[in-house]
């Protein structure tokens, strides 16, 4: 898929709501140069980095291969990958409370195993 980068930059610029004077200031360039960029079919990598930063938009994503175009290998596993669980337990200093928590954790562990 061919990208007309200038048109895409112009579109993102218009959607951003930023004024042309502000974008020119962010990029340390003239408004005239910005309008020239909007007309370009191609652009240098350095310029694209600068525009991406000024508009807070990843234009490089337009050139990456989409997931639908690349067949990802299927990973077949008989067992699901465990997801770590983090818990914060506040104890009141009572032995019975600690024992109850340990009992609940053991039940939880056996239920997910």
Foldseek 3Di string as FASTA:
>chain_A
DQAQLLCVLVVLVVVLPDDLVQLCVQLVHDSVVNVVSSRHSDDDPVVQVSSCVSSVHNPVVVVDDDPVVDDDDDDDDPDDDDDDDDDDDDDPPDPVVVVVVVVVVVVVVVVVD
